[in-house]
Structures are given as C-alpha cells and as structure tokens.
Amino acid sequence: MAQTKPPKSALKRLAELETICADLENQLAVLQAERDSYKEKYEDILVENIRLQEKLTEVRERLRKHEPLVEKPVAEEILEVEEAQAEEDVDCFAGLPLKVAVIGGTEAWQAKVVARHPGFKIIGSNKNFDRDKLAGTDILVINTNAVSHACTQKAKSEVSKGAEVLSISTNNLDILDKKINALLL
C-alpha cells in the first residue's frame, strides 16, 4: 500500500485549528484565574457579612436590655445626672417681677414647665379657658404644638396691649428659656 499524504489544504486547516485551540486554552486560563479571584473576594465578603451580622445581633441585644453602646465611667454618669438636675432646678425667672402665662402644648410639657418655672401660669389648651388667668400677664407663651387656632386667637385678644406674645412650636424648655431671655433683653 502506498502511503498517501494529506493534501496541503488539510494540513493548513489543521494548523489553523491548533492555533485557535491554543488561543481558546489561553482565554480559558485567563477566565479561570478571574473566576478564582472573584471566588476569593466573594468568600471574603461572606466572612465580613457574617462578622457584621454577629455585631448587629449583639448591638440589638444590648439595645433590648437598654445597655449603653459605649461604656461610661460611673463617676462621669453621676456628674452628668447632677448637672442635669442642677440645670432643671434653677428657675432663671424666679426673681423677676414678671407674670408669664403659658397656653398650649401637651399636658406632659405643661407639667415640665411648672416643674421648672413654678411661677408660670398654665392656662391649658382649651379655648374655653378662664380669661381672668390672663389678667396682668407680661408675657404670653403659646406652644402651637397642641393648641387650637381659636384658643390662640382668644388668648392674644385677652392679654393687655403691652404684653409680649411669644409663639413657639417646640417642647424644648431650653429654647423656651432662650426666647424669653431674648424678649427681656
């Protein structure tokens, strides 16, 4: 039998296919390396996620138990409580010959005002308030958070002409004190 050589075109095609195969193997190696890199990053992210979830669970548990997130020394806490009580106990308007009436706000806020400033008259939030309570008032404070427009207008019309009318929309007593001080200056 005679040995037959494959035609040149078949050899050429075989060489082309081997080149294509080598290129594809190179691309496969690059893609596998990229996949491995992403797999490592994914595993790192999973570990970090688990760590953060455990920390979140711990924080939630501490919040349920009403524990502070940052530990404070006991002496610091006692000092803060004493300073807060000292600030609340001081009625900065006690020595002034002023009559201050307060209208509006929630009942809880009104109770805080009375505790801080026992000399203030609390009128309430009802539009059918006693008009005599406003007699001689120097400053009328209207907390617009919990008061009707009719009550506000009635109170404004009942105070004497020289009286200052102070409208606030906050339950912060420090802001109230600052605004009254600003009126006095």
C-alpha atoms as a PDB file:
ATOM      1  CA  MET A   1       0.000   0.000   0.000  1.00  0.00           C
ATOM      2  CA  ALA A   2       1.117   3.312  -0.832  1.00  0.00           C
ATOM      3  CA  GLN A   3       1.258   5.930   1.785  1.00  0.00           C
ATOM      4  CA  THR A   4      -0.810   8.939   0.912  1.00  0.00           C
ATOM      5  CA  LYS A   5      -0.027  12.389   2.185  1.00  0.00           C
ATOM      6  CA  PRO A   6      -2.896  14.567   3.227  1.00  0.00           C
ATOM      7  CA  PRO A   7      -3.444  17.478   0.944  1.00  0.00           C
ATOM      8  CA  LYS A   8      -1.791  20.792   1.853  1.00  0.00           C
ATOM      9  CA  SER A   9      -5.144  22.451   2.458  1.00  0.00           C
ATOM     10  CA  ALA A  10      -5.947  19.891   5.152  1.00  0.00           C
ATOM     11  CA  LEU A  11      -2.565  20.499   6.820  1.00  0.00           C
ATOM     12  CA  LYS A  12      -3.171  24.242   6.658  1.00  0.00           C
ATOM     13  CA  ARG A  13      -6.617  23.825   8.187  1.00  0.00           C
ATOM     14  CA  LEU A  14      -5.175  21.579  10.933  1.00  0.00           C
ATOM     15  CA  ALA A  15      -2.574  24.257  11.782  1.00  0.00           C
ATOM     16  CA  GLU A  16      -5.319  26.932  11.933  1.00  0.00           C
ATOM     17  CA  LEU A  17      -7.413  24.749  14.234  1.00  0.00           C
ATOM     18  CA  GLU A  18      -4.427  24.101  16.524  1.00  0.00           C
ATOM     19  CA  THR A  19      -3.800  27.886  16.721  1.00  0.00           C
ATOM     20  CA  ILE A  20      -7.458  28.514  17.540  1.00  0.00           C
ATOM     21  CA  CYS A  21      -7.337  25.746  20.164  1.00  0.00           C
ATOM     22  CA  ALA A  22      -4.218  27.285  21.779  1.00  0.00           C
ATOM     23  CA  ASP A  23      -5.906  30.746  21.833  1.00  0.00           C
ATOM     24  CA  LEU A  24      -9.026  29.260  23.437  1.00  0.00           C
ATOM     25  CA  GLU A  25      -6.904  27.466  26.065  1.00  0.00           C
ATOM     26  CA  ASN A  26      -5.201  30.794  26.890  1.00  0.00           C
ATOM     27  CA  GLN A  27      -8.596  32.536  27.196  1.00  0.00           C
ATOM     28  CA  LEU A  28      -9.835  29.681  29.392  1.00  0.00           C
ATOM     29  CA  ALA A  29      -6.815  30.058  31.696  1.00  0.00           C
ATOM     30  CA  VAL A  30      -7.436  33.841  31.971  1.00  0.00           C
ATOM     31  CA  LEU A  31     -11.145  33.322  32.725  1.00  0.00           C
ATOM     32  CA  GLN A  32     -10.392  30.630  35.324  1.00  0.00           C
ATOM     33  CA  ALA A  33      -7.930  32.963  37.068  1.00  0.00           C
ATOM     34  CA  GLU A  34     -10.537  35.748  37.028  1.00  0.00           C
ATOM     35  CA  ARG A  35     -13.165  33.334  38.400  1.00  0.00           C
ATOM     36  CA  ASP A  36     -10.824  32.271  41.202  1.00  0.00           C
ATOM     37  CA  SER A  37     -10.176  35.918  42.070  1.00  0.00           C
ATOM     38  CA  TYR A  38     -13.922  36.645  42.238  1.00  0.00           C
ATOM     39  CA  LYS A  39     -14.458  33.497  44.294  1.00  0.00           C
ATOM     40  CA  GLU A  40     -11.884  34.688  46.852  1.00  0.00           C
ATOM     41  CA  LYS A  41     -13.488  38.145  47.013  1.00  0.00           C
ATOM     42  CA  TYR A  42     -16.919  36.541  47.423  1.00  0.00           C
ATOM     43  CA  GLU A  43     -15.693  34.366  50.296  1.00  0.00           C
ATOM     44  CA  ASP A  44     -14.078  37.399  51.977  1.00  0.00           C
ATOM     45  CA  ILE A  45     -17.335  39.331  51.632  1.00  0.00           C
ATOM     46  CA  LEU A  46     -19.290  36.422  53.132  1.00  0.00           C
ATOM     47  CA  VAL A  47     -16.943  36.274  56.120  1.00  0.00           C
ATOM     48  CA  GLU A  48     -17.249  40.060  56.603  1.00  0.00           C
ATOM     49  CA  ASN A  49     -21.036  39.848  56.274  1.00  0.00           C
ATOM     50  CA  ILE A  50     -21.209  37.137  58.943  1.00  0.00           C
ATOM     51  CA  ARG A  51     -18.995  39.228  61.242  1.00  0.00           C
ATOM     52  CA  LEU A  52     -21.190  42.299  60.753  1.00  0.00           C
ATOM     53  CA  GLN A  53     -24.382  40.297  61.323  1.00  0.00           C
ATOM     54  CA  GLU A  54     -22.993  38.968  64.592  1.00  0.00           C
ATOM     55  CA  LYS A  55     -22.089  42.506  65.659  1.00  0.00           C
ATOM     56  CA  LEU A  56     -25.557  43.752  64.688  1.00  0.00           C
ATOM     57  CA  THR A  57     -27.156  40.968  66.722  1.00  0.00           C
ATOM     58  CA  GLU A  58     -25.028  41.946  69.713  1.00  0.00           C
ATOM     59  CA  VAL A  59     -25.990  45.625  69.383  1.00  0.00           C
ATOM     60  CA  ARG A  60     -29.691  44.768  69.069  1.00  0.00           C
ATOM     61  CA  GLU A  61     -29.471  42.578  72.168  1.00  0.00           C
ATOM     62  CA  ARG A  62     -27.808  45.370  74.122  1.00  0.00           C
ATOM     63  CA  LEU A  63     -30.472  47.824  72.983  1.00  0.00           C
ATOM     64  CA  ARG A  64     -33.182  45.402  74.101  1.00  0.00           C
ATOM     65  CA  LYS A  65     -31.541  45.286  77.510  1.00  0.00           C
ATOM     66  CA  HIS A  66     -31.186  49.112  77.486  1.00  0.00           C
ATOM     67  CA  GLU A  67     -27.427  48.893  77.838  1.00  0.00           C
ATOM     68  CA  PRO A  68     -25.347  51.782  76.556  1.00  0.00           C
ATOM     69  CA  LEU A  69     -23.364  51.073  73.411  1.00  0.00           C
ATOM     70  CA  VAL A  70     -20.340  52.901  74.767  1.00  0.00           C
ATOM     71  CA  GLU A  71     -19.412  52.223  78.338  1.00  0.00           C
ATOM     72  CA  LYS A  72     -19.123  55.356  80.504  1.00  0.00           C
ATOM     73  CA  PRO A  73     -17.289  55.504  83.765  1.00  0.00           C
ATOM     74  CA  VAL A  74     -19.686  55.620  86.717  1.00  0.00           C
ATOM     75  CA  ALA A  75     -18.266  58.917  88.002  1.00  0.00           C
ATOM     76  CA  GLU A  76     -18.977  60.573  84.648  1.00  0.00           C
ATOM     77  CA  GLU A  77     -22.579  59.371  84.674  1.00  0.00           C
ATOM     78  CA  ILE A  78     -23.151  60.635  88.221  1.00  0.00           C
ATOM     79  CA  LEU A  79     -21.674  64.015  87.297  1.00  0.00           C
ATOM     80  CA  GLU A  80     -23.938  64.299  84.247  1.00  0.00           C
ATOM     81  CA  VAL A  81     -27.037  63.441  86.298  1.00  0.00           C
ATOM     82  CA  GLU A  82     -26.113  66.014  88.956  1.00  0.00           C
ATOM     83  CA  GLU A  83     -25.530  68.705  86.312  1.00  0.00           C
ATOM     84  CA  ALA A  84     -28.855  67.896  84.648  1.00  0.00           C
ATOM     85  CA  GLN A  85     -30.687  68.127  87.970  1.00  0.00           C
ATOM     86  CA  ALA A  86     -28.964  71.396  88.796  1.00  0.00           C
ATOM     87  CA  GLU A  87     -29.991  72.850  85.444  1.00  0.00           C
ATOM     88  CA  GLU A  88     -33.595  71.699  85.828  1.00  0.00           C
ATOM     89  CA  ASP A  89     -33.911  73.003  89.392  1.00  0.00           C
ATOM     90  CA  VAL A  90     -32.843  76.549  88.502  1.00  0.00           C
ATOM     91  CA  ASP A  91     -35.740  78.864  87.678  1.00  0.00           C
ATOM     92  CA  CYS A  92     -33.954  81.699  85.904  1.00  0.00           C
ATOM     93  CA  PHE A  93     -37.091  83.886  86.026  1.00  0.00           C
ATOM     94  CA  ALA A  94     -37.921  83.403  89.718  1.00  0.00           C
ATOM     95  CA  GLY A  95     -36.564  86.767  90.885  1.00  0.00           C
ATOM     96  CA  LEU A  96     -38.144  88.840  88.096  1.00  0.00           C
ATOM     97  CA  PRO A  97     -41.420  90.668  88.662  1.00  0.00           C
ATOM     98  CA  LEU A  98     -42.956  89.147  85.536  1.00  0.00           C
ATOM     99  CA  LYS A  99     -46.204  87.326  85.057  1.00  0.00           C
ATOM    100  CA  VAL A 100     -45.835  84.661  82.410  1.00  0.00           C
ATOM    101  CA  ALA A 101     -48.794  82.647  81.138  1.00  0.00           C
ATOM    102  CA  VAL A 102     -48.439  79.517  79.045  1.00  0.00           C
ATOM    103  CA  ILE A 103     -51.082  78.267  76.646  1.00  0.00           C
ATOM    104  CA  GLY A 104     -50.965  75.123  74.525  1.00  0.00           C
ATOM    105  CA  GLY A 105     -48.548  72.250  74.431  1.00  0.00           C
ATOM    106  CA  THR A 106     -49.182  68.775  75.723  1.00  0.00           C
ATOM    107  CA  GLU A 107     -50.075  68.141  79.360  1.00  0.00           C
ATOM    108  CA  ALA A 108     -46.701  66.458  79.891  1.00  0.00           C
ATOM    109  CA  TRP A 109     -44.906  69.521  78.542  1.00  0.00           C
ATOM    110  CA  GLN A 110     -47.018  71.827  80.712  1.00  0.00           C
ATOM    111  CA  ALA A 111     -46.072  69.724  83.748  1.00  0.00           C
ATOM    112  CA  LYS A 112     -42.384  70.130  82.865  1.00  0.00           C
ATOM    113  CA  VAL A 113     -42.864  73.898  82.558  1.00  0.00           C
ATOM    114  CA  VAL A 114     -44.481  74.043  86.013  1.00  0.00           C
ATOM    115  CA  ALA A 115     -41.700  71.912  87.491  1.00  0.00           C
ATOM    116  CA  ARG A 116     -39.023  74.165  86.030  1.00  0.00           C
ATOM    117  CA  HIS A 117     -40.821  77.501  86.452  1.00  0.00           C
ATOM    118  CA  PRO A 118     -43.320  77.282  89.313  1.00  0.00           C
ATOM    119  CA  GLY A 119     -44.264  80.954  88.892  1.00  0.00           C
ATOM    120  CA  PHE A 120     -45.651  80.494  85.378  1.00  0.00           C
ATOM    121  CA  LYS A 121     -49.419  80.236  84.984  1.00  0.00           C
ATOM    122  CA  ILE A 122     -50.570  77.311  82.874  1.00  0.00           C
ATOM    123  CA  ILE A 123     -53.772  78.128  81.034  1.00  0.00           C
ATOM    124  CA  GLY A 124     -54.178  74.827  79.167  1.00  0.00           C
ATOM    125  CA  SER A 125     -55.189  74.129  75.581  1.00  0.00           C
ATOM    126  CA  ASN A 126     -58.936  74.502  75.755  1.00  0.00           C
ATOM    127  CA  LYS A 127     -60.487  77.532  74.072  1.00  0.00           C
ATOM    128  CA  ASN A 128     -62.919  77.912  76.995  1.00  0.00           C
ATOM    129  CA  PHE A 129     -60.205  78.934  79.449  1.00  0.00           C
ATOM    130  CA  ASP A 130     -60.713  81.376  82.326  1.00  0.00           C
ATOM    131  CA  ARG A 131     -59.987  84.864  80.992  1.00  0.00           C
ATOM    132  CA  ASP A 132     -59.076  86.143  84.452  1.00  0.00           C
ATOM    133  CA  LYS A 133     -55.936  83.978  84.403  1.00  0.00           C
ATOM    134  CA  LEU A 134     -54.503  86.272  81.714  1.00  0.00           C
ATOM    135  CA  ALA A 135     -55.077  89.470  83.712  1.00  0.00           C
ATOM    136  CA  GLY A 136     -51.803  91.301  84.282  1.00  0.00           C
ATOM    137  CA  THR A 137     -49.785  88.939  82.106  1.00  0.00           C
ATOM    138  CA  ASP A 138     -46.486  90.416  80.883  1.00  0.00           C
ATOM    139  CA  ILE A 139     -45.512  87.533  78.553  1.00  0.00           C
ATOM    140  CA  LEU A 140     -47.900  85.111  76.903  1.00  0.00           C
ATOM    141  CA  VAL A 141     -46.234  81.922  75.659  1.00  0.00           C
ATOM    142  CA  ILE A 142     -48.203  79.961  73.065  1.00  0.00           C
ATOM    143  CA  ASN A 143     -46.950  76.459  72.274  1.00  0.00           C
ATOM    144  CA  THR A 144     -48.535  75.789  68.904  1.00  0.00           C
ATOM    145  CA  ASN A 145     -47.869  72.030  69.034  1.00  0.00           C
ATOM    146  CA  ALA A 146     -51.120  71.199  70.802  1.00  0.00           C
ATOM    147  CA  VAL A 147     -53.492  74.153  70.773  1.00  0.00           C
ATOM    148  CA  SER A 148     -56.352  75.214  68.542  1.00  0.00           C
ATOM    149  CA  HIS A 149     -56.253  78.350  66.441  1.00  0.00           C
ATOM    150  CA  ALA A 150     -59.359  79.642  68.218  1.00  0.00           C
ATOM    151  CA  CYS A 151     -57.677  79.271  71.600  1.00  0.00           C
ATOM    152  CA  THR A 152     -54.594  81.077  70.317  1.00  0.00           C
ATOM    153  CA  GLN A 153     -56.599  83.990  68.937  1.00  0.00           C
ATOM    154  CA  LYS A 154     -58.724  84.277  72.077  1.00  0.00           C
ATOM    155  CA  ALA A 155     -55.620  84.360  74.270  1.00  0.00           C
ATOM    156  CA  LYS A 156     -53.974  87.021  72.107  1.00  0.00           C
ATOM    157  CA  SER A 157     -57.061  89.209  72.304  1.00  0.00           C
ATOM    158  CA  GLU A 158     -57.374  88.810  76.097  1.00  0.00           C
ATOM    159  CA  VAL A 159     -53.856  89.897  77.103  1.00  0.00           C
ATOM    160  CA  SER A 160     -53.186  93.557  77.768  1.00  0.00           C
ATOM    161  CA  LYS A 161     -51.807  95.691  74.946  1.00  0.00           C
ATOM    162  CA  GLY A 162     -48.281  95.935  76.372  1.00  0.00           C
ATOM    163  CA  ALA A 163     -47.873  92.203  76.837  1.00  0.00           C
ATOM    164  CA  GLU A 164     -45.396  90.272  74.720  1.00  0.00           C
ATOM    165  CA  VAL A 165     -46.753  87.277  72.802  1.00  0.00           C
ATOM    166  CA  LEU A 166     -44.244  84.504  72.196  1.00  0.00           C
ATOM    167  CA  SER A 167     -45.225  81.669  69.848  1.00  0.00           C
ATOM    168  CA  ILE A 168     -43.131  78.513  69.921  1.00  0.00           C
ATOM    169  CA  SER A 169     -43.578  75.170  68.199  1.00  0.00           C
ATOM    170  CA  THR A 170     -41.231  73.042  70.260  1.00  0.00           C
ATOM    171  CA  ASN A 171     -41.355  71.202  73.568  1.00  0.00           C
ATOM    172  CA  ASN A 172     -37.733  72.052  74.361  1.00  0.00           C
ATOM    173  CA  LEU A 173     -37.654  74.040  77.607  1.00  0.00           C
ATOM    174  CA  ASP A 174     -34.156  75.393  76.927  1.00  0.00           C
ATOM    175  CA  ILE A 175     -35.396  77.009  73.717  1.00  0.00           C
ATOM    176  CA  LEU A 176     -38.346  78.464  75.630  1.00  0.00           C
ATOM    177  CA  ASP A 177     -35.961  79.987  78.208  1.00  0.00           C
ATOM    178  CA  LYS A 178     -33.733  81.439  75.475  1.00  0.00           C
ATOM    179  CA  LYS A 179     -36.679  83.043  73.698  1.00  0.00           C
ATOM    180  CA  ILE A 180     -37.997  84.587  76.914  1.00  0.00           C
ATOM    181  CA  ASN A 181     -34.499  85.878  77.707  1.00  0.00           C
ATOM    182  CA  ALA A 182     -34.314  87.384  74.209  1.00  0.00           C
ATOM    183  CA  LEU A 183     -37.592  89.217  74.845  1.00  0.00           C
ATOM    184  CA  LEU A 184     -36.260  90.599  78.109  1.00  0.00           C
ATOM    185  CA  LEU A 185     -33.034  91.949  76.624  1.00  0.00           C
END
